Amino acid sequence: MRDAGLKEPQFEMTDFFRTVFYRNPEYALKQASEKVVEKLSTNQQMIIEAVAKDPAISAKTLADMVGISTRKIQGNIAKLKSMGVLKRIGPDKGGHWTVVEK
């Protein structure tokens, strides 16, 4: 672990014996961002691509582009926001979307 520049493992003894190994934080972040991309549906990927091209795009325009209802667009946007992929800057009217880089 020292040779790899990682934190030394912890050994704990309670009712059980437990060893905690630490991994490189850069590897953990890379894995987390890959998992987020893997979890995105085709519609969500299309939404992200459209928002990246036009941050002021409306839900109605997104619905027409993706081919699903406005209500489904709103649901997908809510999921993307909760996953930390999309962020709204400013109010509903006059604001814009930003794709959060992970």
PDB file of N, CA and C in Angstrom:
ATOM      1  N   MET A   1       0.835  -1.182   0.000  1.00  0.00           N
ATOM      2  CA  MET A   1       0.000   0.000   0.000  1.00  0.00           C
ATOM      3  C   MET A   1       0.888   1.256   0.000  1.00  0.00           C
ATOM      4  N   ARG A   2       1.957   1.223   0.789  1.00  0.00           N
ATOM      5  CA  ARG A   2       2.879   2.362   0.812  1.00  0.00           C
ATOM      6  C   ARG A   2       3.499   2.587  -0.558  1.00  0.00           C
ATOM      7  N   ASP A   3       3.893   1.493  -1.210  1.00  0.00           N
ATOM      8  CA  ASP A   3       4.515   1.598  -2.529  1.00  0.00           C
ATOM      9  C   ASP A   3       3.569   2.237  -3.542  1.00  0.00           C
ATOM     10  N   ALA A   4       2.285   2.009  -3.381  1.00  0.00           N
ATOM     11  CA  ALA A   4       1.288   2.570  -4.288  1.00  0.00           C
ATOM     12  C   ALA A   4       0.881   3.981  -3.874  1.00  0.00           C
ATOM     13  N   GLY A   5       1.399   4.467  -2.739  1.00  0.00           N
ATOM     14  CA  GLY A   5       1.065   5.807  -2.265  1.00  0.00           C
ATOM     15  C   GLY A   5      -0.314   5.882  -1.639  1.00  0.00           C
ATOM     16  N   LEU A   6      -0.796   4.756  -1.161  1.00  0.00           N
ATOM     17  CA  LEU A   6      -2.129   4.711  -0.561  1.00  0.00           C
ATOM     18  C   LEU A   6      -2.031   4.640   0.956  1.00  0.00           C
ATOM     19  N   LYS A   7      -3.126   4.998   1.589  1.00  0.00           N
ATOM     20  CA  LYS A   7      -3.219   4.950   3.039  1.00  0.00           C
ATOM     21  C   LYS A   7      -3.086   3.497   3.511  1.00  0.00           C
ATOM     22  N   GLU A   8      -2.415   3.311   4.624  1.00  0.00           N
ATOM     23  CA  GLU A   8      -2.244   1.951   5.149  1.00  0.00           C
ATOM     24  C   GLU A   8      -3.591   1.370   5.578  1.00  0.00           C
ATOM     25  N   PRO A   9      -3.764   0.058   5.433  1.00  0.00           N
ATOM     26  CA  PRO A   9      -5.029  -0.552   5.843  1.00  0.00           C
ATOM     27  C   PRO A   9      -5.214  -0.470   7.352  1.00  0.00           C
ATOM     28  N   GLN A  10      -6.470  -0.496   7.755  1.00  0.00           N
ATOM     29  CA  GLN A  10      -6.800  -0.495   9.188  1.00  0.00           C
ATOM     30  C   GLN A  10      -7.216  -1.896   9.594  1.00  0.00           C
ATOM     31  N   PHE A  11      -6.761  -2.316  10.756  1.00  0.00           N
ATOM     32  CA  PHE A  11      -7.150  -3.614  11.301  1.00  0.00           C
ATOM     33  C   PHE A  11      -7.947  -3.353  12.565  1.00  0.00           C
ATOM     34  N   GLU A  12      -9.140  -3.921  12.623  1.00  0.00           N
ATOM     35  CA  GLU A  12     -10.023  -3.711  13.765  1.00  0.00           C
ATOM     36  C   GLU A  12     -10.422  -5.053  14.357  1.00  0.00           C
ATOM     37  N   MET A  13     -10.471  -5.074  15.662  1.00  0.00           N
ATOM     38  CA  MET A  13     -10.868  -6.301  16.346  1.00  0.00           C
ATOM     39  C   MET A  13     -11.978  -5.965  17.331  1.00  0.00           C
ATOM     40  N   THR A  14     -13.160  -6.451  17.056  1.00  0.00           N
ATOM     41  CA  THR A  14     -14.281  -6.337  17.990  1.00  0.00           C
ATOM     42  C   THR A  14     -14.724  -7.765  18.249  1.00  0.00           C
ATOM     43  N   ASP A  15     -15.959  -8.060  17.966  1.00  0.00           N
ATOM     44  CA  ASP A  15     -16.397  -9.454  18.006  1.00  0.00           C
ATOM     45  C   ASP A  15     -15.881 -10.189  16.771  1.00  0.00           C
ATOM     46  N   PHE A  16     -15.516  -9.412  15.749  1.00  0.00           N
ATOM     47  CA  PHE A  16     -15.011  -9.943  14.497  1.00  0.00           C
ATOM     48  C   PHE A  16     -13.697  -9.256  14.167  1.00  0.00           C
ATOM     49  N   PHE A  17     -12.977  -9.843  13.248  1.00  0.00           N
ATOM     50  CA  PHE A  17     -11.759  -9.214  12.749  1.00  0.00           C
ATOM     51  C   PHE A  17     -12.111  -8.549  11.435  1.00  0.00           C
ATOM     52  N   ARG A  18     -11.740  -7.274  11.289  1.00  0.00           N
ATOM     53  CA  ARG A  18     -12.087  -6.525  10.088  1.00  0.00           C
ATOM     54  C   ARG A  18     -10.853  -5.784   9.581  1.00  0.00           C
ATOM     55  N   THR A  19     -10.659  -5.811   8.262  1.00  0.00           N
ATOM     56  CA  THR A  19      -9.569  -5.079   7.627  1.00  0.00           C
ATOM     57  C   THR A  19     -10.177  -4.103   6.632  1.00  0.00           C
ATOM     58  N   VAL A  20      -9.742  -2.836   6.681  1.00  0.00           N
ATOM     59  CA  VAL A  20     -10.237  -1.806   5.779  1.00  0.00           C
ATOM     60  C   VAL A  20      -9.088  -1.395   4.869  1.00  0.00           C
ATOM     61  N   PHE A  21      -9.299  -1.557   3.549  1.00  0.00           N
ATOM     62  CA  PHE A  21      -8.317  -1.140   2.556  1.00  0.00           C
ATOM     63  C   PHE A  21      -8.816   0.138   1.893  1.00  0.00           C
ATOM     64  N   TYR A  22      -7.905   1.030   1.579  1.00  0.00           N
ATOM     65  CA  TYR A  22      -8.252   2.289   0.930  1.00  0.00           C
ATOM     66  C   TYR A  22      -7.759   2.257  -0.510  1.00  0.00           C
ATOM     67  N   ARG A  23      -8.565   2.809  -1.406  1.00  0.00           N
ATOM     68  CA  ARG A  23      -8.155   2.848  -2.806  1.00  0.00           C
ATOM     69  C   ARG A  23      -7.875   4.290  -3.218  1.00  0.00           C
ATOM     70  N   ASN A  24      -7.301   4.423  -4.381  1.00  0.00           N
ATOM     71  CA  ASN A  24      -6.957   5.733  -4.914  1.00  0.00           C
ATOM     72  C   ASN A  24      -8.237   6.530  -5.136  1.00  0.00           C
ATOM     73  N   PRO A  25      -8.367   7.748  -4.574  1.00  0.00           N
ATOM     74  CA  PRO A  25      -9.595   8.535  -4.734  1.00  0.00           C
ATOM     75  C   PRO A  25      -9.907   8.867  -6.187  1.00  0.00           C
ATOM     76  N   GLU A  26      -8.895   9.044  -7.025  1.00  0.00           N
ATOM     77  CA  GLU A  26      -9.144   9.330  -8.438  1.00  0.00           C
ATOM     78  C   GLU A  26      -9.859   8.157  -9.103  1.00  0.00           C
ATOM     79  N   TYR A  27      -9.502   6.945  -8.735  1.00  0.00           N
ATOM     80  CA  TYR A  27     -10.145   5.756  -9.276  1.00  0.00           C
ATOM     81  C   TYR A  27     -11.608   5.719  -8.841  1.00  0.00           C
ATOM     82  N   ALA A  28     -11.863   6.059  -7.585  1.00  0.00           N
ATOM     83  CA  ALA A  28     -13.233   6.038  -7.063  1.00  0.00           C
ATOM     84  C   ALA A  28     -14.102   7.048  -7.797  1.00  0.00           C
ATOM     85  N   LEU A  29     -13.577   8.264  -8.059  1.00  0.00           N
ATOM     86  CA  LEU A  29     -14.347   9.272  -8.780  1.00  0.00           C
ATOM     87  C   LEU A  29     -14.624   8.839 -10.211  1.00  0.00           C
ATOM     88  N   LYS A  30     -13.647   8.246 -10.858  1.00  0.00           N
ATOM     89  CA  LYS A  30     -13.822   7.785 -12.230  1.00  0.00           C
ATOM     90  C   LYS A  30     -14.903   6.719 -12.293  1.00  0.00           C
ATOM     91  N   GLN A  31     -14.864   5.784 -11.347  1.00  0.00           N
ATOM     92  CA  GLN A  31     -15.867   4.727 -11.314  1.00  0.00           C
ATOM     93  C   GLN A  31     -17.255   5.303 -11.087  1.00  0.00           C
ATOM     94  N   ALA A  32     -17.370   6.285 -10.185  1.00  0.00           N
ATOM     95  CA  ALA A  32     -18.670   6.881  -9.874  1.00  0.00           C
ATOM     96  C   ALA A  32     -19.249   7.571 -11.096  1.00  0.00           C
ATOM     97  N   SER A  33     -18.429   8.334 -11.830  1.00  0.00           N
ATOM     98  CA  SER A  33     -18.947   9.028 -13.012  1.00  0.00           C
ATOM     99  C   SER A  33     -19.327   8.037 -14.108  1.00  0.00           C
ATOM    100  N   GLU A  34     -18.575   6.938 -14.241  1.00  0.00           N
ATOM    101  CA  GLU A  34     -18.929   5.922 -15.238  1.00  0.00           C
ATOM    102  C   GLU A  34     -20.254   5.270 -14.885  1.00  0.00           C
ATOM    103  N   LYS A  35     -20.505   5.047 -13.602  1.00  0.00           N
ATOM    104  CA  LYS A  35     -21.768   4.434 -13.180  1.00  0.00           C
ATOM    105  C   LYS A  35     -22.933   5.352 -13.483  1.00  0.00           C
ATOM    106  N   VAL A  36     -22.747   6.675 -13.294  1.00  0.00           N
ATOM    107  CA  VAL A  36     -23.816   7.622 -13.590  1.00  0.00           C
ATOM    108  C   VAL A  36     -24.164   7.559 -15.068  1.00  0.00           C
ATOM    109  N   VAL A  37     -23.157   7.541 -15.943  1.00  0.00           N
ATOM    110  CA  VAL A  37     -23.405   7.473 -17.381  1.00  0.00           C
ATOM    111  C   VAL A  37     -24.104   6.169 -17.737  1.00  0.00           C
ATOM    112  N   GLU A  38     -23.710   5.070 -17.096  1.00  0.00           N
ATOM    113  CA  GLU A  38     -24.336   3.780 -17.376  1.00  0.00           C
ATOM    114  C   GLU A  38     -25.800   3.774 -16.975  1.00  0.00           C
ATOM    115  N   LYS A  39     -26.171   4.537 -15.947  1.00  0.00           N
ATOM    116  CA  LYS A  39     -27.534   4.545 -15.445  1.00  0.00           C
ATOM    117  C   LYS A  39     -28.476   5.420 -16.270  1.00  0.00           C
ATOM    118  N   LEU A  40     -27.940   6.242 -17.142  1.00  0.00           N
ATOM    119  CA  LEU A  40     -28.784   7.147 -17.920  1.00  0.00           C
ATOM    120  C   LEU A  40     -29.510   6.401 -19.031  1.00  0.00           C
ATOM    121  N   SER A  41     -30.792   6.712 -19.164  1.00  0.00           N
ATOM    122  CA  SER A  41     -31.569   6.127 -20.251  1.00  0.00           C
ATOM    123  C   SER A  41     -31.240   6.861 -21.555  1.00  0.00           C
ATOM    124  N   THR A  42     -31.698   6.323 -22.652  1.00  0.00           N
ATOM    125  CA  THR A  42     -31.484   6.962 -23.955  1.00  0.00           C
ATOM    126  C   THR A  42     -32.125   8.343 -23.971  1.00  0.00           C
ATOM    127  N   ASN A  43     -33.338   8.445 -23.421  1.00  0.00           N
ATOM    128  CA  ASN A  43     -34.013   9.747 -23.369  1.00  0.00           C
ATOM    129  C   ASN A  43     -33.213  10.745 -22.547  1.00  0.00           C
ATOM    130  N   GLN A  44     -32.677  10.308 -21.404  1.00  0.00           N
ATOM    131  CA  GLN A  44     -31.898  11.203 -20.552  1.00  0.00           C
ATOM    132  C   GLN A  44     -30.617  11.651 -21.253  1.00  0.00           C
ATOM    133  N   GLN A  45     -29.989  10.757 -21.992  1.00  0.00           N
ATOM    134  CA  GLN A  45     -28.793  11.129 -22.749  1.00  0.00           C
ATOM    135  C   GLN A  45     -29.138  12.156 -23.825  1.00  0.00           C
ATOM    136  N   MET A  46     -30.287  11.975 -24.475  1.00  0.00           N
ATOM    137  CA  MET A  46     -30.722  12.929 -25.494  1.00  0.00           C
ATOM    138  C   MET A  46     -31.002  14.295 -24.869  1.00  0.00           C
ATOM    139  N   ILE A  47     -31.595  14.298 -23.676  1.00  0.00           N
ATOM    140  CA  ILE A  47     -31.882  15.550 -22.962  1.00  0.00           C
ATOM    141  C   ILE A  47     -30.579  16.276 -22.645  1.00  0.00           C
ATOM    142  N   ILE A  48     -29.596  15.549 -22.140  1.00  0.00           N
ATOM    143  CA  ILE A  48     -28.308  16.154 -21.788  1.00  0.00           C
ATOM    144  C   ILE A  48     -27.634  16.747 -23.025  1.00  0.00           C
ATOM    145  N   GLU A  49     -27.650  16.018 -24.132  1.00  0.00           N
ATOM    146  CA  GLU A  49     -27.040  16.511 -25.369  1.00  0.00           C
ATOM    147  C   GLU A  49     -27.737  17.789 -25.844  1.00  0.00           C
ATOM    148  N   ALA A  50     -29.070  17.813 -25.774  1.00  0.00           N
ATOM    149  CA  ALA A  50     -29.822  18.987 -26.219  1.00  0.00           C
ATOM    150  C   ALA A  50     -29.561  20.189 -25.306  1.00  0.00           C
ATOM    151  N   VAL A  51     -29.485  19.950 -24.004  1.00  0.00           N
ATOM    152  CA  VAL A  51     -29.223  21.025 -23.050  1.00  0.00           C
ATOM    153  C   VAL A  51     -27.808  21.568 -23.226  1.00  0.00           C
ATOM    154  N   ALA A  52     -26.868  20.687 -23.534  1.00  0.00           N
ATOM    155  CA  ALA A  52     -25.489  21.128 -23.760  1.00  0.00           C
ATOM    156  C   ALA A  52     -25.410  22.056 -24.976  1.00  0.00           C
ATOM    157  N   LYS A  53     -26.222  21.793 -25.998  1.00  0.00           N
ATOM    158  CA  LYS A  53     -26.224  22.628 -27.203  1.00  0.00           C
ATOM    159  C   LYS A  53     -26.990  23.938 -26.989  1.00  0.00           C
ATOM    160  N   ASP A  54     -28.108  23.853 -26.204  1.00  0.00           N
ATOM    161  CA  ASP A  54     -28.948  25.037 -25.976  1.00  0.00           C
ATOM    162  C   ASP A  54     -29.399  25.060 -24.512  1.00  0.00           C
ATOM    163  N   PRO A  55     -28.640  25.726 -23.632  1.00  0.00           N
ATOM    164  CA  PRO A  55     -28.970  25.741 -22.207  1.00  0.00           C
ATOM    165  C   PRO A  55     -30.327  26.371 -21.882  1.00  0.00           C
ATOM    166  N   ALA A  56     -30.876  27.184 -22.776  1.00  0.00           N
ATOM    167  CA  ALA A  56     -32.164  27.835 -22.517  1.00  0.00           C
ATOM    168  C   ALA A  56     -33.327  27.064 -23.133  1.00  0.00           C
ATOM    169  N   ILE A  57     -33.110  25.832 -23.543  1.00  0.00           N
ATOM    170  CA  ILE A  57     -34.139  25.033 -24.215  1.00  0.00           C
ATOM    171  C   ILE A  57     -35.334  24.800 -23.288  1.00  0.00           C
ATOM    172  N   SER A  58     -36.525  24.797 -23.875  1.00  0.00           N
ATOM    173  CA  SER A  58     -37.737  24.598 -23.080  1.00  0.00           C
ATOM    174  C   SER A  58     -38.100  23.115 -23.005  1.00  0.00           C
ATOM    175  N   ALA A  59     -38.945  22.782 -22.027  1.00  0.00           N
ATOM    176  CA  ALA A  59     -39.404  21.397 -21.874  1.00  0.00           C
ATOM    177  C   ALA A  59     -40.218  20.976 -23.094  1.00  0.00           C
ATOM    178  N   LYS A  60     -40.987  21.906 -23.648  1.00  0.00           N
ATOM    179  CA  LYS A  60     -41.800  21.600 -24.837  1.00  0.00           C
ATOM    180  C   LYS A  60     -40.904  21.249 -26.025  1.00  0.00           C
ATOM    181  N   THR A  61     -39.848  22.024 -26.229  1.00  0.00           N
ATOM    182  CA  THR A  61     -38.921  21.750 -27.324  1.00  0.00           C
ATOM    183  C   THR A  61     -38.211  20.423 -27.101  1.00  0.00           C
ATOM    184  N   LEU A  62     -37.818  20.164 -25.854  1.00  0.00           N
ATOM    185  CA  LEU A  62     -37.186  18.878 -25.529  1.00  0.00           C
ATOM    186  C   LEU A  62     -38.127  17.721 -25.826  1.00  0.00           C
ATOM    187  N   ALA A  63     -39.405  17.892 -25.450  1.00  0.00           N
ATOM    188  CA  ALA A  63     -40.394  16.839 -25.681  1.00  0.00           C
ATOM    189  C   ALA A  63     -40.524  16.533 -27.174  1.00  0.00           C
ATOM    190  N   ASP A  64     -40.540  17.577 -27.980  1.00  0.00           N
ATOM    191  CA  ASP A  64     -40.634  17.389 -29.438  1.00  0.00           C
ATOM    192  C   ASP A  64     -39.383  16.695 -29.977  1.00  0.00           C
ATOM    193  N   MET A  65     -38.210  17.089 -29.475  1.00  0.00           N
ATOM    194  CA  MET A  65     -36.959  16.509 -29.959  1.00  0.00           C
ATOM    195  C   MET A  65     -36.816  15.039 -29.571  1.00  0.00           C
ATOM    196  N   VAL A  66     -37.141  14.739 -28.312  1.00  0.00           N
ATOM    197  CA  VAL A  66     -36.950  13.386 -27.780  1.00  0.00           C
ATOM    198  C   VAL A  66     -38.092  12.466 -28.199  1.00  0.00           C
ATOM    199  N   GLY A  67     -39.268  13.047 -28.387  1.00  0.00           N
ATOM    200  CA  GLY A  67     -40.415  12.241 -28.814  1.00  0.00           C
ATOM    201  C   GLY A  67     -41.208  11.660 -27.653  1.00  0.00           C
ATOM    202  N   ILE A  68     -41.174  12.342 -26.522  1.00  0.00           N
ATOM    203  CA  ILE A  68     -41.971  11.925 -25.366  1.00  0.00           C
ATOM    204  C   ILE A  68     -42.747  13.136 -24.846  1.00  0.00           C
ATOM    205  N   SER A  69     -43.659  12.895 -23.921  1.00  0.00           N
ATOM    206  CA  SER A  69     -44.498  13.984 -23.416  1.00  0.00           C
ATOM    207  C   SER A  69     -43.704  14.963 -22.549  1.00  0.00           C
ATOM    208  N   THR A  70     -44.263  16.149 -22.397  1.00  0.00           N
ATOM    209  CA  THR A  70     -43.644  17.173 -21.547  1.00  0.00           C
ATOM    210  C   THR A  70     -43.549  16.676 -20.109  1.00  0.00           C
ATOM    211  N   ARG A  71     -44.563  15.951 -19.660  1.00  0.00           N
ATOM    212  CA  ARG A  71     -44.557  15.403 -18.294  1.00  0.00           C
ATOM    213  C   ARG A  71     -43.389  14.429 -18.105  1.00  0.00           C
ATOM    214  N   LYS A  72     -43.136  13.588 -19.102  1.00  0.00           N
ATOM    215  CA  LYS A  72     -42.001  12.644 -19.026  1.00  0.00           C
ATOM    216  C   LYS A  72     -40.672  13.401 -19.038  1.00  0.00           C
ATOM    217  N   ILE A  73     -40.598  14.484 -19.821  1.00  0.00           N
ATOM    218  CA  ILE A  73     -39.387  15.315 -19.835  1.00  0.00           C
ATOM    219  C   ILE A  73     -39.140  15.872 -18.436  1.00  0.00           C
ATOM    220  N   GLN A  74     -40.186  16.387 -17.809  1.00  0.00           N
ATOM    221  CA  GLN A  74     -40.050  16.946 -16.461  1.00  0.00           C
ATOM    222  C   GLN A  74     -39.589  15.877 -15.469  1.00  0.00           C
ATOM    223  N   GLY A  75     -40.107  14.661 -15.608  1.00  0.00           N
ATOM    224  CA  GLY A  75     -39.685  13.566 -14.736  1.00  0.00           C
ATOM    225  C   GLY A  75     -38.218  13.205 -14.942  1.00  0.00           C
ATOM    226  N   ASN A  76     -37.809  13.149 -16.204  1.00  0.00           N
ATOM    227  CA  ASN A  76     -36.404  12.849 -16.508  1.00  0.00           C
ATOM    228  C   ASN A  76     -35.479  13.956 -16.010  1.00  0.00           C
ATOM    229  N   ILE A  77     -35.904  15.202 -16.161  1.00  0.00           N
ATOM    230  CA  ILE A  77     -35.093  16.324 -15.669  1.00  0.00           C
ATOM    231  C   ILE A  77     -34.968  16.249 -14.148  1.00  0.00           C
ATOM    232  N   ALA A  78     -36.054  15.905 -13.468  1.00  0.00           N
ATOM    233  CA  ALA A  78     -36.003  15.768 -12.005  1.00  0.00           C
ATOM    234  C   ALA A  78     -35.004  14.681 -11.602  1.00  0.00           C
ATOM    235  N   LYS A  79     -34.994  13.572 -12.330  1.00  0.00           N
ATOM    236  CA  LYS A  79     -34.038  12.496 -12.039  1.00  0.00           C
ATOM    237  C   LYS A  79     -32.611  12.956 -12.294  1.00  0.00           C
ATOM    238  N   LEU A  80     -32.401  13.651 -13.400  1.00  0.00           N
ATOM    239  CA  LEU A  80     -31.064  14.143 -13.737  1.00  0.00           C
ATOM    240  C   LEU A  80     -30.579  15.156 -12.698  1.00  0.00           C
ATOM    241  N   LYS A  81     -31.492  15.982 -12.204  1.00  0.00           N
ATOM    242  CA  LYS A  81     -31.123  16.942 -11.152  1.00  0.00           C
ATOM    243  C   LYS A  81     -30.757  16.210  -9.859  1.00  0.00           C
ATOM    244  N   SER A  82     -31.534  15.201  -9.494  1.00  0.00           N
ATOM    245  CA  SER A  82     -31.258  14.464  -8.257  1.00  0.00           C
ATOM    246  C   SER A  82     -29.960  13.659  -8.352  1.00  0.00           C
ATOM    247  N   MET A  83     -29.590  13.264  -9.581  1.00  0.00           N
ATOM    248  CA  MET A  83     -28.337  12.544  -9.788  1.00  0.00           C
ATOM    249  C   MET A  83     -27.147  13.499  -9.849  1.00  0.00           C
ATOM    250  N   GLY A  84     -27.440  14.799  -9.902  1.00  0.00           N
ATOM    251  CA  GLY A  84     -26.378  15.784  -9.963  1.00  0.00           C
ATOM    252  C   GLY A  84     -25.810  15.983 -11.354  1.00  0.00           C
ATOM    253  N   VAL A  85     -26.562  15.587 -12.381  1.00  0.00           N
ATOM    254  CA  VAL A  85     -26.086  15.701 -13.760  1.00  0.00           C
ATOM    255  C   VAL A  85     -26.504  17.044 -14.367  1.00  0.00           C
ATOM    256  N   LEU A  86     -27.700  17.518 -14.023  1.00  0.00           N
ATOM    257  CA  LEU A  86     -28.208  18.803 -14.512  1.00  0.00           C
ATOM    258  C   LEU A  86     -28.426  19.746 -13.340  1.00  0.00           C
ATOM    259  N   LYS A  87     -28.243  21.031 -13.620  1.00  0.00           N
ATOM    260  CA  LYS A  87     -28.473  22.041 -12.591  1.00  0.00           C
ATOM    261  C   LYS A  87     -29.168  23.228 -13.242  1.00  0.00           C
ATOM    262  N   ARG A  88     -30.149  23.772 -12.567  1.00  0.00           N
ATOM    263  CA  ARG A  88     -30.879  24.940 -13.067  1.00  0.00           C
ATOM    264  C   ARG A  88     -30.238  26.195 -12.490  1.00  0.00           C
ATOM    265  N   ILE A  89     -29.926  27.145 -13.357  1.00  0.00           N
ATOM    266  CA  ILE A  89     -29.374  28.419 -12.948  1.00  0.00           C
ATOM    267  C   ILE A  89     -30.429  29.489 -13.232  1.00  0.00           C
ATOM    268  N   GLY A  90     -30.882  30.163 -12.205  1.00  0.00           N
ATOM    269  CA  GLY A  90     -31.877  31.214 -12.378  1.00  0.00           C
ATOM    270  C   GLY A  90     -33.301  30.692 -12.334  1.00  0.00           C
ATOM    271  N   PRO A  91     -34.261  31.592 -12.565  1.00  0.00           N
ATOM    272  CA  PRO A  91     -35.678  31.225 -12.476  1.00  0.00           C
ATOM    273  C   PRO A  91     -36.147  30.417 -13.685  1.00  0.00           C
ATOM    274  N   ASP A  92     -37.391  29.933 -13.602  1.00  0.00           N
ATOM    275  CA  ASP A  92     -37.967  29.162 -14.710  1.00  0.00           C
ATOM    276  C   ASP A  92     -37.987  29.985 -15.999  1.00  0.00           C
ATOM    277  N   LYS A  93     -38.378  31.243 -15.872  1.00  0.00           N
ATOM    278  CA  LYS A  93     -38.371  32.119 -17.053  1.00  0.00           C
ATOM    279  C   LYS A  93     -37.131  32.998 -16.973  1.00  0.00           C
ATOM    280  N   GLY A  94     -36.297  32.868 -17.980  1.00  0.00           N
ATOM    281  CA  GLY A  94     -35.086  33.683 -18.019  1.00  0.00           C
ATOM    282  C   GLY A  94     -33.843  32.962 -17.515  1.00  0.00           C
ATOM    283  N   GLY A  95     -34.018  31.785 -16.913  1.00  0.00           N
ATOM    284  CA  GLY A  95     -32.878  31.012 -16.429  1.00  0.00           C
ATOM    285  C   GLY A  95     -32.368  30.063 -17.509  1.00  0.00           C
ATOM    286  N   HIS A  96     -31.421  29.225 -17.123  1.00  0.00           N
ATOM    287  CA  HIS A  96     -30.899  28.245 -18.072  1.00  0.00           C
ATOM    288  C   HIS A  96     -30.405  26.999 -17.336  1.00  0.00           C
ATOM    289  N   TRP A  97     -30.190  25.950 -18.098  1.00  0.00           N
ATOM    290  CA  TRP A  97     -29.678  24.684 -17.574  1.00  0.00           C
ATOM    291  C   TRP A  97     -28.179  24.620 -17.771  1.00  0.00           C
ATOM    292  N   THR A  98     -27.520  23.866 -16.916  1.00  0.00           N
ATOM    293  CA  THR A  98     -26.110  23.587 -17.116  1.00  0.00           C
ATOM    294  C   THR A  98     -25.872  22.108 -16.840  1.00  0.00           C
ATOM    295  N   VAL A  99     -25.047  21.491 -17.666  1.00  0.00           N
ATOM    296  CA  VAL A  99     -24.673  20.089 -17.469  1.00  0.00           C
ATOM    297  C   VAL A  99     -23.472  20.078 -16.539  1.00  0.00           C
ATOM    298  N   VAL A 100     -23.614  19.386 -15.422  1.00  0.00           N
ATOM    299  CA  VAL A 100     -22.562  19.327 -14.420  1.00  0.00           C
ATOM    300  C   VAL A 100     -21.520  18.296 -14.842  1.00  0.00           C
ATOM    301  N   GLU A 101     -20.279  18.737 -14.973  1.00  0.00           N
ATOM    302  CA  GLU A 101     -19.181  17.837 -15.348  1.00  0.00           C
ATOM    303  C   GLU A 101     -18.731  17.083 -14.122  1.00  0.00           C
ATOM    304  N   LYS A 102     -18.616  15.770 -14.239  1.00  0.00           N
ATOM    305  CA  LYS A 102     -18.164  14.954 -13.105  1.00  0.00           C
ATOM    306  C   LYS A 102     -16.805  14.387 -13.400  1.00  0.00           C
TER     307      LYS A 102
END
